[in-house]
């Protein structure tokens, strides 16, 4: 519930800025279309391609991020497992093969 209140507060506080930016963009494009309709069309086309490429990159990055986090979690788990296996071998198997004092083992 607290996160919802923060999100609503942020959205409402940024709303005037978003409206102002949309108006500047729309008026700028209208003025550009008045000066050169072809250039305005090309600008809209390039902006559309840019947004599409950006969103595609974000999606690919998020996909790789989720996959990368899974690999890191797996590596972390295996690393811990082998750490405990190593400690177990040193404490329980090593003394069976070679004599080790109790002080060395507890140290």
PDB file of N, CA and C in Angstrom:
ATOM      1  N   UNK A   1       0.828  -1.190   0.000  1.00  0.00           N
ATOM      2  CA  UNK A   1       0.000   0.000   0.000  1.00  0.00           C
ATOM      3  C   UNK A   1       0.873   1.255   0.000  1.00  0.00           C
ATOM      4  N   UNK A   2       1.961   1.225   0.765  1.00  0.00           N
ATOM      5  CA  UNK A   2       2.838   2.395   0.831  1.00  0.00           C
ATOM      6  C   UNK A   2       3.477   2.663  -0.523  1.00  0.00           C
ATOM      7  N   UNK A   3       3.862   1.592  -1.235  1.00  0.00           N
ATOM      8  CA  UNK A   3       4.461   1.765  -2.554  1.00  0.00           C
ATOM      9  C   UNK A   3       3.465   2.380  -3.532  1.00  0.00           C
ATOM     10  N   UNK A   4       2.189   2.008  -3.412  1.00  0.00           N
ATOM     11  CA  UNK A   4       1.164   2.577  -4.284  1.00  0.00           C
ATOM     12  C   UNK A   4       1.021   4.076  -4.059  1.00  0.00           C
ATOM     13  N   UNK A   5       1.036   4.476  -2.819  1.00  0.00           N
ATOM     14  CA  UNK A   5       0.919   5.908  -2.495  1.00  0.00           C
ATOM     15  C   UNK A   5       2.112   6.664  -3.068  1.00  0.00           C
ATOM     16  N   UNK A   6       3.311   6.092  -2.924  1.00  0.00           N
ATOM     17  CA  UNK A   6       4.502   6.746  -3.481  1.00  0.00           C
ATOM     18  C   UNK A   6       4.428   6.843  -4.995  1.00  0.00           C
ATOM     19  N   UNK A   7       3.949   5.777  -5.654  1.00  0.00           N
ATOM     20  CA  UNK A   7       3.837   5.786  -7.114  1.00  0.00           C
ATOM     21  C   UNK A   7       2.821   6.826  -7.577  1.00  0.00           C
ATOM     22  N   UNK A   8       1.689   6.913  -6.894  1.00  0.00           N
ATOM     23  CA  UNK A   8       0.666   7.903  -7.256  1.00  0.00           C
ATOM     24  C   UNK A   8       1.186   9.318  -7.027  1.00  0.00           C
ATOM     25  N   UNK A   9       1.881   9.523  -5.931  1.00  0.00           N
ATOM     26  CA  UNK A   9       2.442  10.844  -5.644  1.00  0.00           C
ATOM     27  C   UNK A   9       3.447  11.252  -6.707  1.00  0.00           C
ATOM     28  N   UNK A  10       4.310  10.310  -7.095  1.00  0.00           N
ATOM     29  CA  UNK A  10       5.308  10.603  -8.127  1.00  0.00           C
ATOM     30  C   UNK A  10       4.626  10.917  -9.457  1.00  0.00           C
ATOM     31  N   UNK A  11       3.620  10.116  -9.820  1.00  0.00           N
ATOM     32  CA  UNK A  11       2.921  10.336 -11.088  1.00  0.00           C
ATOM     33  C   UNK A  11       2.230  11.696 -11.107  1.00  0.00           C
ATOM     34  N   UNK A  12       1.577  12.051 -10.004  1.00  0.00           N
ATOM     35  CA  UNK A  12       0.879  13.334  -9.957  1.00  0.00           C
ATOM     36  C   UNK A  12       1.851  14.513  -9.947  1.00  0.00           C
ATOM     37  N   UNK A  13       2.987  14.347  -9.292  1.00  0.00           N
ATOM     38  CA  UNK A  13       3.936  15.462  -9.251  1.00  0.00           C
ATOM     39  C   UNK A  13       4.655  15.649 -10.582  1.00  0.00           C
ATOM     40  N   UNK A  14       4.775  14.581 -11.375  1.00  0.00           N
ATOM     41  CA  UNK A  14       5.448  14.719 -12.671  1.00  0.00           C
ATOM     42  C   UNK A  14       4.469  15.008 -13.810  1.00  0.00           C
ATOM     43  N   UNK A  15       3.190  14.977 -13.548  1.00  0.00           N
ATOM     44  CA  UNK A  15       2.179  15.202 -14.585  1.00  0.00           C
ATOM     45  C   UNK A  15       2.311  16.559 -15.268  1.00  0.00           C
ATOM     46  N   UNK A  16       2.485  17.664 -14.565  1.00  0.00           N
ATOM     47  CA  UNK A  16       2.629  18.952 -15.257  1.00  0.00           C
ATOM     48  C   UNK A  16       3.849  18.990 -16.184  1.00  0.00           C
ATOM     49  N   UNK A  17       4.940  18.391 -15.768  1.00  0.00           N
ATOM     50  CA  UNK A  17       6.132  18.354 -16.599  1.00  0.00           C
ATOM     51  C   UNK A  17       5.895  17.536 -17.869  1.00  0.00           C
ATOM     52  N   UNK A  18       5.205  16.417 -17.726  1.00  0.00           N
ATOM     53  CA  UNK A  18       4.893  15.585 -18.885  1.00  0.00           C
ATOM     54  C   UNK A  18       4.000  16.352 -19.858  1.00  0.00           C
ATOM     55  N   UNK A  19       2.999  17.043 -19.330  1.00  0.00           N
ATOM     56  CA  UNK A  19       2.098  17.830 -20.193  1.00  0.00           C
ATOM     57  C   UNK A  19       2.867  18.916 -20.936  1.00  0.00           C
ATOM     58  N   UNK A  20       3.751  19.603 -20.260  1.00  0.00           N
ATOM     59  CA  UNK A  20       4.535  20.659 -20.898  1.00  0.00           C
ATOM     60  C   UNK A  20       5.436  20.079 -21.986  1.00  0.00           C
ATOM     61  N   UNK A  21       6.057  18.953 -21.715  1.00  0.00           N
ATOM     62  CA  UNK A  21       6.929  18.333 -22.717  1.00  0.00           C
ATOM     63  C   UNK A  21       6.150  17.848 -23.929  1.00  0.00           C
ATOM     64  N   UNK A  22       4.952  17.295 -23.706  1.00  0.00           N
ATOM     65  CA  UNK A  22       4.112  16.855 -24.829  1.00  0.00           C
ATOM     66  C   UNK A  22       3.700  18.048 -25.681  1.00  0.00           C
ATOM     67  N   UNK A  23       3.372  19.163 -25.056  1.00  0.00           N
ATOM     68  CA  UNK A  23       2.983  20.362 -25.808  1.00  0.00           C
ATOM     69  C   UNK A  23       4.150  20.909 -26.628  1.00  0.00           C
ATOM     70  N   UNK A  24       5.338  20.934 -26.045  1.00  0.00           N
ATOM     71  CA  UNK A  24       6.518  21.409 -26.781  1.00  0.00           C
ATOM     72  C   UNK A  24       6.780  20.503 -27.973  1.00  0.00           C
ATOM     73  N   UNK A  25       6.689  19.188 -27.773  1.00  0.00           N
ATOM     74  CA  UNK A  25       6.910  18.240 -28.866  1.00  0.00           C
ATOM     75  C   UNK A  25       5.861  18.408 -29.964  1.00  0.00           C
ATOM     76  N   UNK A  26       4.592  18.478 -29.575  1.00  0.00           N
ATOM     77  CA  UNK A  26       3.515  18.609 -30.571  1.00  0.00           C
ATOM     78  C   UNK A  26       3.628  19.919 -31.334  1.00  0.00           C
ATOM     79  N   UNK A  27       3.855  21.008 -30.634  1.00  0.00           N
ATOM     80  CA  UNK A  27       3.970  22.302 -31.314  1.00  0.00           C
ATOM     81  C   UNK A  27       5.212  22.364 -32.203  1.00  0.00           C
ATOM     82  N   UNK A  28       6.298  21.769 -31.735  1.00  0.00           N
ATOM     83  CA  UNK A  28       7.508  21.728 -32.554  1.00  0.00           C
ATOM     84  C   UNK A  28       7.300  20.929 -33.826  1.00  0.00           C
ATOM     85  N   UNK A  29       6.604  19.800 -33.717  1.00  0.00           N
ATOM     86  CA  UNK A  29       6.326  18.998 -34.908  1.00  0.00           C
ATOM     87  C   UNK A  29       5.357  19.714 -35.850  1.00  0.00           C
ATOM     88  N   UNK A  30       4.369  20.394 -35.292  1.00  0.00           N
ATOM     89  CA  UNK A  30       3.447  21.157 -36.141  1.00  0.00           C
ATOM     90  C   UNK A  30       4.174  22.277 -36.880  1.00  0.00           C
ATOM     91  N   UNK A  31       5.068  22.956 -36.182  1.00  0.00           N
ATOM     92  CA  UNK A  31       5.844  24.023 -36.820  1.00  0.00           C
ATOM     93  C   UNK A  31       6.763  23.455 -37.898  1.00  0.00           C
ATOM     94  N   UNK A  32       7.384  22.304 -37.607  1.00  0.00           N
ATOM     95  CA  UNK A  32       8.244  21.662 -38.600  1.00  0.00           C
ATOM     96  C   UNK A  32       7.422  21.213 -39.807  1.00  0.00           C
ATOM     97  N   UNK A  33       6.212  20.694 -39.566  1.00  0.00           N
ATOM     98  CA  UNK A  33       5.333  20.292 -40.670  1.00  0.00           C
ATOM     99  C   UNK A  33       4.916  21.502 -41.491  1.00  0.00           C
ATOM    100  N   UNK A  34       4.738  22.646 -40.860  1.00  0.00           N
ATOM    101  CA  UNK A  34       4.408  23.887 -41.571  1.00  0.00           C
ATOM    102  C   UNK A  34       5.567  24.298 -42.479  1.00  0.00           C
ATOM    103  N   UNK A  35       6.804  24.151 -41.942  1.00  0.00           N
ATOM    104  CA  UNK A  35       7.973  24.529 -42.732  1.00  0.00           C
ATOM    105  C   UNK A  35       8.278  23.521 -43.832  1.00  0.00           C
ATOM    106  N   UNK A  36       8.229  22.222 -43.507  1.00  0.00           N
ATOM    107  CA  UNK A  36       8.558  21.179 -44.467  1.00  0.00           C
ATOM    108  C   UNK A  36       7.858  19.885 -44.067  1.00  0.00           C
ATOM    109  N   UNK A  37       6.766  19.562 -44.724  1.00  0.00           N
ATOM    110  CA  UNK A  37       6.036  18.331 -44.390  1.00  0.00           C
ATOM    111  C   UNK A  37       6.897  17.072 -44.563  1.00  0.00           C
ATOM    112  N   UNK A  38       7.764  17.076 -45.569  1.00  0.00           N
ATOM    113  CA  UNK A  38       8.619  15.903 -45.791  1.00  0.00           C
ATOM    114  C   UNK A  38       9.591  15.720 -44.623  1.00  0.00           C
ATOM    115  N   UNK A  39      10.192  16.823 -44.184  1.00  0.00           N
ATOM    116  CA  UNK A  39      11.127  16.756 -43.068  1.00  0.00           C
ATOM    117  C   UNK A  39      10.406  16.354 -41.779  1.00  0.00           C
ATOM    118  N   UNK A  40       9.195  16.819 -41.582  1.00  0.00           N
ATOM    119  CA  UNK A  40       8.421  16.424 -40.401  1.00  0.00           C
ATOM    120  C   UNK A  40       8.102  14.938 -40.446  1.00  0.00           C
ATOM    121  N   UNK A  41       7.723  14.434 -41.617  1.00  0.00           N
ATOM    122  CA  UNK A  41       7.456  13.003 -41.768  1.00  0.00           C
ATOM    123  C   UNK A  41       8.698  12.167 -41.495  1.00  0.00           C
ATOM    124  N   UNK A  42       9.829  12.639 -42.032  1.00  0.00           N
ATOM    125  CA  UNK A  42      11.087  11.917 -41.799  1.00  0.00           C
ATOM    126  C   UNK A  42      11.461  11.935 -40.318  1.00  0.00           C
ATOM    127  N   UNK A  43      11.214  13.044 -39.660  1.00  0.00           N
ATOM    128  CA  UNK A  43      11.501  13.145 -38.231  1.00  0.00           C
ATOM    129  C   UNK A  43      10.631  12.183 -37.432  1.00  0.00           C
ATOM    130  N   UNK A  44       9.345  12.127 -37.763  1.00  0.00           N
ATOM    131  CA  UNK A  44       8.438  11.203 -37.079  1.00  0.00           C
ATOM    132  C   UNK A  44       8.849   9.755 -37.343  1.00  0.00           C
ATOM    133  N   UNK A  45       9.224   9.456 -38.584  1.00  0.00           N
ATOM    134  CA  UNK A  45       9.672   8.104 -38.927  1.00  0.00           C
ATOM    135  C   UNK A  45      10.931   7.725 -38.144  1.00  0.00           C
ATOM    136  N   UNK A  46      11.908   8.614 -38.096  1.00  0.00           N
ATOM    137  CA  UNK A  46      13.152   8.335 -37.378  1.00  0.00           C
ATOM    138  C   UNK A  46      12.901   8.207 -35.865  1.00  0.00           C
ATOM    139  N   UNK A  47      12.031   9.055 -35.337  1.00  0.00           N
ATOM    140  CA  UNK A  47      11.704   8.961 -33.903  1.00  0.00           C
ATOM    141  C   UNK A  47      11.008   7.634 -33.609  1.00  0.00           C
ATOM    142  N   UNK A  48      10.099   7.234 -34.495  1.00  0.00           N
ATOM    143  CA  UNK A  48       9.409   5.953 -34.324  1.00  0.00           C
ATOM    144  C   UNK A  48      10.379   4.778 -34.375  1.00  0.00           C
ATOM    145  N   UNK A  49      11.312   4.822 -35.326  1.00  0.00           N
ATOM    146  CA  UNK A  49      12.321   3.762 -35.404  1.00  0.00           C
ATOM    147  C   UNK A  49      13.216   3.765 -34.164  1.00  0.00           C
ATOM    148  N   UNK A  50      13.569   4.950 -33.711  1.00  0.00           N
ATOM    149  CA  UNK A  50      14.402   5.048 -32.518  1.00  0.00           C
ATOM    150  C   UNK A  50      13.721   4.481 -31.290  1.00  0.00           C
ATOM    151  N   UNK A  51      12.448   4.793 -31.107  1.00  0.00           N
ATOM    152  CA  UNK A  51      11.695   4.273 -29.963  1.00  0.00           C
ATOM    153  C   UNK A  51      11.557   2.762 -30.078  1.00  0.00           C
ATOM    154  N   UNK A  52      11.277   2.262 -31.287  1.00  0.00           N
ATOM    155  CA  UNK A  52      11.147   0.818 -31.485  1.00  0.00           C
ATOM    156  C   UNK A  52      12.448   0.098 -31.170  1.00  0.00           C
ATOM    157  N   UNK A  53      13.568   0.630 -31.654  1.00  0.00           N
ATOM    158  CA  UNK A  53      14.869   0.011 -31.384  1.00  0.00           C
ATOM    159  C   UNK A  53      15.201   0.074 -29.888  1.00  0.00           C
ATOM    160  N   UNK A  54      14.891   1.188 -29.272  1.00  0.00           N
ATOM    161  CA  UNK A  54      15.137   1.337 -27.833  1.00  0.00           C
ATOM    162  C   UNK A  54      14.356   0.310 -27.034  1.00  0.00           C
ATOM    163  N   UNK A  55      13.058   0.183 -27.316  1.00  0.00           N
ATOM    164  CA  UNK A  55      12.225  -0.766 -26.579  1.00  0.00           C
ATOM    165  C   UNK A  55      12.665  -2.204 -26.828  1.00  0.00           C
ATOM    166  N   UNK A  56      13.076  -2.511 -28.069  1.00  0.00           N
ATOM    167  CA  UNK A  56      13.596  -3.844 -28.369  1.00  0.00           C
ATOM    168  C   UNK A  56      14.859  -4.139 -27.584  1.00  0.00           C
ATOM    169  N   UNK A  57      15.738  -3.148 -27.487  1.00  0.00           N
ATOM    170  CA  UNK A  57      16.956  -3.324 -26.704  1.00  0.00           C
ATOM    171  C   UNK A  57      16.669  -3.508 -25.233  1.00  0.00           C
ATOM    172  N   UNK A  58      15.710  -2.769 -24.724  1.00  0.00           N
ATOM    173  CA  UNK A  58      15.327  -2.905 -23.315  1.00  0.00           C
ATOM    174  C   UNK A  58      14.770  -4.306 -23.052  1.00  0.00           C
ATOM    175  N   UNK A  59      13.916  -4.779 -23.962  1.00  0.00           N
ATOM    176  CA  UNK A  59      13.360  -6.130 -23.787  1.00  0.00           C
ATOM    177  C   UNK A  59      14.451  -7.186 -23.829  1.00  0.00           C
ATOM    178  N   UNK A  60      15.379  -7.073 -24.783  1.00  0.00           N
ATOM    179  CA  UNK A  60      16.477  -8.043 -24.876  1.00  0.00           C
ATOM    180  C   UNK A  60      17.365  -7.969 -23.639  1.00  0.00           C
ATOM    181  N   UNK A  61      17.625  -6.762 -23.161  1.00  0.00           N
ATOM    182  CA  UNK A  61      18.437  -6.608 -21.967  1.00  0.00           C
ATOM    183  C   UNK A  61      17.771  -7.206 -20.739  1.00  0.00           C
ATOM    184  N   UNK A  62      16.472  -6.987 -20.610  1.00  0.00           N
ATOM    185  CA  UNK A  62      15.745  -7.562 -19.478  1.00  0.00           C
ATOM    186  C   UNK A  62      15.751  -9.088 -19.547  1.00  0.00           C
ATOM    187  N   UNK A  63      15.609  -9.627 -20.756  1.00  0.00           N
ATOM    188  CA  UNK A  63      15.646 -11.081 -20.925  1.00  0.00           C
ATOM    189  C   UNK A  63      17.010 -11.622 -20.509  1.00  0.00           C
ATOM    190  N   UNK A  64      18.061 -10.979 -20.945  1.00  0.00           N
ATOM    191  CA  UNK A  64      19.408 -11.423 -20.589  1.00  0.00           C
ATOM    192  C   UNK A  64      19.684 -11.202 -19.110  1.00  0.00           C
ATOM    193  N   UNK A  65      19.115 -10.121 -18.541  1.00  0.00           N
ATOM    194  CA  UNK A  65      19.320  -9.823 -17.127  1.00  0.00           C
ATOM    195  C   UNK A  65      18.706 -10.909 -16.258  1.00  0.00           C
ATOM    196  N   UNK A  66      17.381 -11.278 -16.608  1.00  0.00           N
ATOM    197  CA  UNK A  66      16.732 -12.320 -15.809  1.00  0.00           C
ATOM    198  C   UNK A  66      17.551 -13.575 -15.856  1.00  0.00           C
ATOM    199  N   UNK A  67      18.120 -14.021 -17.252  1.00  0.00           N
ATOM    200  CA  UNK A  67      18.934 -15.223 -17.495  1.00  0.00           C
ATOM    201  C   UNK A  67      20.249 -15.112 -16.731  1.00  0.00           C
ATOM    202  N   UNK A  68      20.860 -13.905 -16.763  1.00  0.00           N
ATOM    203  CA  UNK A  68      22.134 -13.705 -16.067  1.00  0.00           C
ATOM    204  C   UNK A  68      21.990 -13.857 -14.560  1.00  0.00           C
ATOM    205  N   UNK A  69      20.919 -13.360 -14.021  1.00  0.00           N
ATOM    206  CA  UNK A  69      20.695 -13.503 -12.582  1.00  0.00           C
ATOM    207  C   UNK A  69      20.493 -14.962 -12.201  1.00  0.00           C
ATOM    208  N   UNK A  70      19.845 -15.734 -13.069  1.00  0.00           N
ATOM    209  CA  UNK A  70      19.668 -17.158 -12.793  1.00  0.00           C
ATOM    210  C   UNK A  70      21.013 -17.876 -12.790  1.00  0.00           C
ATOM    211  N   UNK A  71      21.856 -17.547 -13.749  1.00  0.00           N
ATOM    212  CA  UNK A  71      23.177 -18.162 -13.816  1.00  0.00           C
ATOM    213  C   UNK A  71      24.000 -17.782 -12.590  1.00  0.00           C
ATOM    214  N   UNK A  72      23.933 -16.526 -12.193  1.00  0.00           N
ATOM    215  CA  UNK A  72      24.667 -16.102 -10.998  1.00  0.00           C
ATOM    216  C   UNK A  72      24.162 -16.818  -9.749  1.00  0.00           C
ATOM    217  N   UNK A  73      22.861 -16.966  -9.622  1.00  0.00           N
ATOM    218  CA  UNK A  73      22.302 -17.679  -8.475  1.00  0.00           C
ATOM    219  C   UNK A  73      22.748 -19.132  -8.453  1.00  0.00           C
ATOM    220  N   UNK A  74      22.741 -19.760  -9.618  1.00  0.00           N
ATOM    221  CA  UNK A  74      23.191 -21.142  -9.735  1.00  0.00           C
ATOM    222  C   UNK A  74      24.666 -21.250  -9.352  1.00  0.00           C
ATOM    223  N   UNK A  75      25.503 -20.347  -9.868  1.00  0.00           N
ATOM    224  CA  UNK A  75      26.932 -20.369  -9.552  1.00  0.00           C
ATOM    225  C   UNK A  75      27.166 -20.127  -8.059  1.00  0.00           C
ATOM    226  N   UNK A  76      26.404 -19.219  -7.476  1.00  0.00           N
ATOM    227  CA  UNK A  76      26.533 -18.933  -6.058  1.00  0.00           C
ATOM    228  C   UNK A  76      26.189 -20.176  -5.222  1.00  0.00           C
ATOM    229  N   UNK A  77      25.118 -20.855  -5.584  1.00  0.00           N
ATOM    230  CA  UNK A  77      24.707 -22.052  -4.849  1.00  0.00           C
ATOM    231  C   UNK A  77      25.753 -23.156  -4.959  1.00  0.00           C
ATOM    232  N   UNK A  78      26.259 -23.383  -6.160  1.00  0.00           N
ATOM    233  CA  UNK A  78      27.275 -24.411  -6.348  1.00  0.00           C
ATOM    234  C   UNK A  78      28.563 -24.054  -5.620  1.00  0.00           C
ATOM    235  N   UNK A  79      28.925 -22.791  -5.619  1.00  0.00           N
ATOM    236  CA  UNK A  79      30.116 -22.363  -4.900  1.00  0.00           C
ATOM    237  C   UNK A  79      30.002 -22.630  -3.408  1.00  0.00           C
ATOM    238  N   UNK A  80      28.849 -22.327  -2.864  1.00  0.00           N
ATOM    239  CA  UNK A  80      28.629 -22.609  -1.435  1.00  0.00           C
ATOM    240  C   UNK A  80      28.638 -24.095  -1.149  1.00  0.00           C
ATOM    241  N   UNK A  81      28.011 -24.863  -2.032  1.00  0.00           N
ATOM    242  CA  UNK A  81      27.979 -26.311  -1.850  1.00  0.00           C
ATOM    243  C   UNK A  81      29.400 -26.878  -1.802  1.00  0.00           C
ATOM    244  N   UNK A  82      30.235 -26.472  -2.744  1.00  0.00           N
ATOM    245  CA  UNK A  82      31.602 -26.989  -2.772  1.00  0.00           C
ATOM    246  C   UNK A  82      32.435 -26.464  -1.608  1.00  0.00           C
ATOM    247  N   UNK A  83      32.138 -25.298  -1.123  1.00  0.00           N
ATOM    248  CA  UNK A  83      32.824 -24.810   0.077  1.00  0.00           C
ATOM    249  C   UNK A  83      32.533 -25.733   1.255  1.00  0.00           C
ATOM    250  N   UNK A  84      31.255 -26.082   1.439  1.00  0.00           N
ATOM    251  CA  UNK A  84      30.889 -26.963   2.548  1.00  0.00           C
ATOM    252  C   UNK A  84      31.417 -28.385   2.340  1.00  0.00           C
ATOM    253  N   UNK A  85      31.419 -28.855   1.100  1.00  0.00           N
ATOM    254  CA  UNK A  85      31.999 -30.171   0.817  1.00  0.00           C
ATOM    255  C   UNK A  85      33.487 -30.160   1.147  1.00  0.00           C
ATOM    256  N   UNK A  86      34.180 -29.088   0.776  1.00  0.00           N
ATOM    257  CA  UNK A  86      35.606 -28.973   1.082  1.00  0.00           C
ATOM    258  C   UNK A  86      35.877 -28.962   2.572  1.00  0.00           C
ATOM    259  N   UNK A  87      35.078 -28.225   3.315  1.00  0.00           N
ATOM    260  CA  UNK A  87      35.250 -28.182   4.772  1.00  0.00           C
ATOM    261  C   UNK A  87      34.983 -29.565   5.365  1.00  0.00           C
ATOM    262  N   UNK A  88      33.937 -30.229   4.883  1.00  0.00           N
ATOM    263  CA  UNK A  88      33.631 -31.573   5.365  1.00  0.00           C
ATOM    264  C   UNK A  88      34.758 -32.554   5.068  1.00  0.00           C
ATOM    265  N   UNK A  89      35.309 -32.483   3.876  1.00  0.00           N
ATOM    266  CA  UNK A  89      36.425 -33.365   3.531  1.00  0.00           C
ATOM    267  C   UNK A  89      37.638 -33.099   4.421  1.00  0.00           C
ATOM    268  N   UNK A  90      37.931 -31.813   4.641  1.00  0.00           N
ATOM    269  CA  UNK A  90      39.082 -31.486   5.492  1.00  0.00           C
ATOM    270  C   UNK A  90      38.884 -31.950   6.936  1.00  0.00           C
ATOM    271  N   UNK A  91      37.664 -31.856   7.433  1.00  0.00           N
ATOM    272  CA  UNK A  91      37.410 -32.229   8.832  1.00  0.00           C
ATOM    273  C   UNK A  91      37.252 -33.727   9.049  1.00  0.00           C
ATOM    274  N   UNK A  92      36.653 -34.424   8.073  1.00  0.00           N
ATOM    275  CA  UNK A  92      36.300 -35.827   8.317  1.00  0.00           C
ATOM    276  C   UNK A  92      37.109 -36.832   7.500  1.00  0.00           C
ATOM    277  N   UNK A  93      37.522 -36.502   6.296  1.00  0.00           N
ATOM    278  CA  UNK A  93      38.243 -37.453   5.459  1.00  0.00           C
ATOM    279  C   UNK A  93      39.751 -37.304   5.622  1.00  0.00           C
ATOM    280  N   UNK A  94      40.241 -36.084   5.625  1.00  0.00           N
ATOM    281  CA  UNK A  94      41.682 -35.842   5.759  1.00  0.00           C
ATOM    282  C   UNK A  94      42.289 -36.539   6.986  1.00  0.00           C
ATOM    283  N   UNK A  95      41.663 -36.451   8.160  1.00  0.00           N
ATOM    284  CA  UNK A  95      42.228 -37.137   9.336  1.00  0.00           C
ATOM    285  C   UNK A  95      42.265 -38.660   9.193  1.00  0.00           C
ATOM    286  N   UNK A  96      41.398 -39.227   8.366  1.00  0.00           N
ATOM    287  CA  UNK A  96      41.437 -40.681   8.149  1.00  0.00           C
ATOM    288  C   UNK A  96      42.620 -41.088   7.286  1.00  0.00           C
ATOM    289  N   UNK A  97      43.063 -40.197   6.407  1.00  0.00           N
ATOM    290  CA  UNK A  97      44.158 -40.510   5.489  1.00  0.00           C
ATOM    291  C   UNK A  97      45.524 -40.136   6.060  1.00  0.00           C
ATOM    292  N   UNK A  98      45.599 -39.006   6.738  1.00  0.00           N
ATOM    293  CA  UNK A  98      46.854 -38.530   7.322  1.00  0.00           C
ATOM    294  C   UNK A  98      46.590 -38.071   8.748  1.00  0.00           C
ATOM    295  N   UNK A  99      47.498 -38.348   9.630  1.00  0.00           N
ATOM    296  CA  UNK A  99      47.270 -37.932  11.030  1.00  0.00           C
ATOM    297  C   UNK A  99      47.310 -36.416  11.180  1.00  0.00           C
ATOM    298  N   UNK A 100      46.285 -35.899  11.857  1.00  0.00           N
ATOM    299  CA  UNK A 100      46.184 -34.457  12.106  1.00  0.00           C
ATOM    300  C   UNK A 100      45.773 -34.292  13.558  1.00  0.00           C
ATOM    301  N   UNK A 101      46.427 -33.344  14.230  1.00  0.00           N
ATOM    302  CA  UNK A 101      46.100 -33.127  15.654  1.00  0.00           C
ATOM    303  C   UNK A 101      44.724 -32.474  15.784  1.00  0.00           C
ATOM    304  N   UNK A 102      44.106 -32.664  16.920  1.00  0.00           N
ATOM    305  CA  UNK A 102      42.800 -32.063  17.206  1.00  0.00           C
ATOM    306  C   UNK A 102      42.894 -30.538  17.208  1.00  0.00           C
ATOM    307  N   UNK A 103      44.021 -30.021  17.681  1.00  0.00           N
ATOM    308  CA  UNK A 103      44.201 -28.561  17.706  1.00  0.00           C
ATOM    309  C   UNK A 103      44.227 -27.992  16.295  1.00  0.00           C
ATOM    310  N   UNK A 104      44.857 -28.728  15.371  1.00  0.00           N
ATOM    311  CA  UNK A 104      44.885 -28.269  13.977  1.00  0.00           C
ATOM    312  C   UNK A 104      43.486 -28.315  13.379  1.00  0.00           C
ATOM    313  N   UNK A 105      42.751 -29.383  13.640  1.00  0.00           N
ATOM    314  CA  UNK A 105      41.394 -29.495  13.100  1.00  0.00           C
ATOM    315  C   UNK A 105      40.471 -28.402  13.631  1.00  0.00           C
ATOM    316  N   UNK A 106      40.517 -28.146  14.912  1.00  0.00           N
ATOM    317  CA  UNK A 106      39.620 -27.118  15.460  1.00  0.00           C
ATOM    318  C   UNK A 106      40.086 -25.721  15.077  1.00  0.00           C
ATOM    319  N   UNK A 107      41.362 -25.562  14.813  1.00  0.00           N
ATOM    320  CA  UNK A 107      41.884 -24.257  14.372  1.00  0.00           C
ATOM    321  C   UNK A 107      41.393 -23.965  12.973  1.00  0.00           C
TER     322      UNK A 107
END
